[in-house]
Amino acid sequence: MELILYSSKRCNVCIALKPKLEDVATKFGIELKEINIEENPVEAAQSMVFSAPTLILREGNSEIRRWSRVFSVSEVEEFLNRVL
C-alpha cells in the first residue's frame, strides 16, 4: 500500500502538507511517494490528476481512495484507521 502525493513547487499547501503526510505514512507503515505534476505531466494525467494537492491511496494498481484540493490530514488519518 502506498500514498502518492501529486504536488507542485508553486503550491504552498503542498509544501506544508508533505511533512505532515510523511508522519502519517510512517505511523501507518505506508510508503509516501511524491510526484511533481509540472515535471511529470504525463504520469499525472495517466492518474487523472490535474490539480495539486491530490493524494491517492493505492494498493498495487488499484486506487482505494483519492483526496484532492481541500482536505485535511485528519481526514486521511481517520480513513486509514478505518481501513487498516
C-alpha atoms as a PDB file:
ATOM      1  CA  MET A   1       0.000   0.000   0.000  1.00  0.00           C
ATOM      2  CA  GLU A   2       1.262   3.475  -0.804  1.00  0.00           C
ATOM      3  CA  LEU A   3       0.224   7.105  -0.611  1.00  0.00           C
ATOM      4  CA  ILE A   4       1.027   9.186  -3.674  1.00  0.00           C
ATOM      5  CA  LEU A   5       1.115  12.948  -3.267  1.00  0.00           C
ATOM      6  CA  TYR A   6       0.759  14.865  -6.518  1.00  0.00           C
ATOM      7  CA  SER A   7       2.186  18.296  -5.851  1.00  0.00           C
ATOM      8  CA  SER A   8       3.603  21.422  -7.412  1.00  0.00           C
ATOM      9  CA  LYS A   9       6.568  23.540  -6.381  1.00  0.00           C
ATOM     10  CA  ARG A  10       4.313  26.613  -6.613  1.00  0.00           C
ATOM     11  CA  CYS A  11       1.735  25.107  -4.256  1.00  0.00           C
ATOM     12  CA  ASN A  12       2.257  26.379  -0.703  1.00  0.00           C
ATOM     13  CA  VAL A  13      -0.341  23.948   0.622  1.00  0.00           C
ATOM     14  CA  CYS A  14       1.649  21.071  -0.887  1.00  0.00           C
ATOM     15  CA  ILE A  15       4.821  22.265   0.795  1.00  0.00           C
ATOM     16  CA  ALA A  16       3.114  22.466   4.204  1.00  0.00           C
ATOM     17  CA  LEU A  17       1.230  19.201   3.709  1.00  0.00           C
ATOM     18  CA  LYS A  18       4.145  16.950   2.755  1.00  0.00           C
ATOM     19  CA  PRO A  19       5.867  16.674   6.192  1.00  0.00           C
ATOM     20  CA  LYS A  20       2.520  16.008   7.865  1.00  0.00           C
ATOM     21  CA  LEU A  21       1.744  13.246   5.381  1.00  0.00           C
ATOM     22  CA  GLU A  22       5.222  11.800   5.914  1.00  0.00           C
ATOM     23  CA  ASP A  23       4.354  11.499   9.621  1.00  0.00           C
ATOM     24  CA  VAL A  24       1.039   9.788   8.808  1.00  0.00           C
ATOM     25  CA  ALA A  25       2.736   7.387   6.378  1.00  0.00           C
ATOM     26  CA  THR A  26       5.348   6.492   8.992  1.00  0.00           C
ATOM     27  CA  LYS A  27       2.666   5.995  11.643  1.00  0.00           C
ATOM     28  CA  PHE A  28       0.771   3.524   9.436  1.00  0.00           C
ATOM     29  CA  GLY A  29       3.825   1.901   7.829  1.00  0.00           C
ATOM     30  CA  ILE A  30       2.882   3.098   4.354  1.00  0.00           C
ATOM     31  CA  GLU A  31       5.250   4.405   1.692  1.00  0.00           C
ATOM     32  CA  LEU A  32       4.736   8.053   0.660  1.00  0.00           C
ATOM     33  CA  LYS A  33       5.708   8.885  -2.902  1.00  0.00           C
ATOM     34  CA  GLU A  34       5.655  12.448  -4.243  1.00  0.00           C
ATOM     35  CA  ILE A  35       5.088  13.276  -7.901  1.00  0.00           C
ATOM     36  CA  ASN A  36       5.521  16.826  -9.169  1.00  0.00           C
ATOM     37  CA  ILE A  37       2.734  17.453 -11.688  1.00  0.00           C
ATOM     38  CA  GLU A  38       4.747  20.118 -13.514  1.00  0.00           C
ATOM     39  CA  GLU A  39       7.780  17.862 -14.016  1.00  0.00           C
ATOM     40  CA  ASN A  40       5.719  14.705 -14.696  1.00  0.00           C
ATOM     41  CA  PRO A  41       2.569  15.856 -16.524  1.00  0.00           C
ATOM     42  CA  VAL A  42       2.097  12.577 -18.395  1.00  0.00           C
ATOM     43  CA  GLU A  43       2.239  10.491 -15.215  1.00  0.00           C
ATOM     44  CA  ALA A  44      -0.195  12.861 -13.503  1.00  0.00           C
ATOM     45  CA  ALA A  45      -2.581  12.786 -16.469  1.00  0.00           C
ATOM     46  CA  GLN A  46      -2.496   8.979 -16.568  1.00  0.00           C
ATOM     47  CA  SER A  47      -3.796   9.045 -12.997  1.00  0.00           C
ATOM     48  CA  MET A  48      -6.363  11.731 -13.939  1.00  0.00           C
ATOM     49  CA  VAL A  49      -4.684  14.283 -11.665  1.00  0.00           C
ATOM     50  CA  PHE A  50      -4.956  17.867 -12.859  1.00  0.00           C
ATOM     51  CA  SER A  51      -4.701  19.870  -9.626  1.00  0.00           C
ATOM     52  CA  ALA A  52      -2.486  19.999  -6.593  1.00  0.00           C
ATOM     53  CA  PRO A  53      -2.513  18.806  -3.946  1.00  0.00           C
ATOM     54  CA  THR A  54      -4.011  15.434  -4.786  1.00  0.00           C
ATOM     55  CA  LEU A  55      -3.378  12.415  -2.603  1.00  0.00           C
ATOM     56  CA  ILE A  56      -4.097   8.873  -3.770  1.00  0.00           C
ATOM     57  CA  LEU A  57      -4.039   5.744  -1.636  1.00  0.00           C
ATOM     58  CA  ARG A  58      -3.170   2.719  -3.763  1.00  0.00           C
ATOM     59  CA  GLU A  59      -2.679  -0.953  -3.230  1.00  0.00           C
ATOM     60  CA  GLY A  60      -0.928  -2.461  -6.235  1.00  0.00           C
ATOM     61  CA  ASN A  61      -2.575  -0.927  -9.281  1.00  0.00           C
ATOM     62  CA  SER A  62      -5.897  -0.319  -7.525  1.00  0.00           C
ATOM     63  CA  GLU A  63      -6.878   3.110  -6.276  1.00  0.00           C
ATOM     64  CA  ILE A  64      -8.515   2.820  -2.876  1.00  0.00           C
ATOM     65  CA  ARG A  65      -9.201   6.495  -2.112  1.00  0.00           C
ATOM     66  CA  ARG A  66      -8.467   9.940  -3.529  1.00  0.00           C
ATOM     67  CA  TRP A  67      -8.341  13.316  -1.800  1.00  0.00           C
ATOM     68  CA  SER A  68      -7.985  16.441  -3.899  1.00  0.00           C
ATOM     69  CA  ARG A  69      -7.602  20.183  -3.387  1.00  0.00           C
ATOM     70  CA  VAL A  70      -9.245  20.766   0.013  1.00  0.00           C
ATOM     71  CA  PHE A  71      -8.724  18.013   2.569  1.00  0.00           C
ATOM     72  CA  SER A  72      -7.180  17.662   5.988  1.00  0.00           C
ATOM     73  CA  VAL A  73      -4.539  15.345   7.330  1.00  0.00           C
ATOM     74  CA  SER A  74      -7.036  14.187   9.947  1.00  0.00           C
ATOM     75  CA  GLU A  75      -9.399  13.025   7.160  1.00  0.00           C
ATOM     76  CA  VAL A  76      -6.618  10.883   5.735  1.00  0.00           C
ATOM     77  CA  GLU A  77      -5.720   9.553   9.173  1.00  0.00           C
ATOM     78  CA  GLU A  78      -9.342   8.705  10.007  1.00  0.00           C
ATOM     79  CA  PHE A  79      -9.743   6.818   6.733  1.00  0.00           C
ATOM     80  CA  LEU A  80      -6.522   4.860   7.310  1.00  0.00           C
ATOM     81  CA  ASN A  81      -7.685   3.988  10.842  1.00  0.00           C
ATOM     82  CA  ARG A  82     -10.894   2.534   9.409  1.00  0.00           C
ATOM     83  CA  VAL A  83      -9.227   0.658   6.540  1.00  0.00           C
ATOM     84  CA  LEU A  84      -6.198  -0.629   8.389  1.00  0.00           C
END
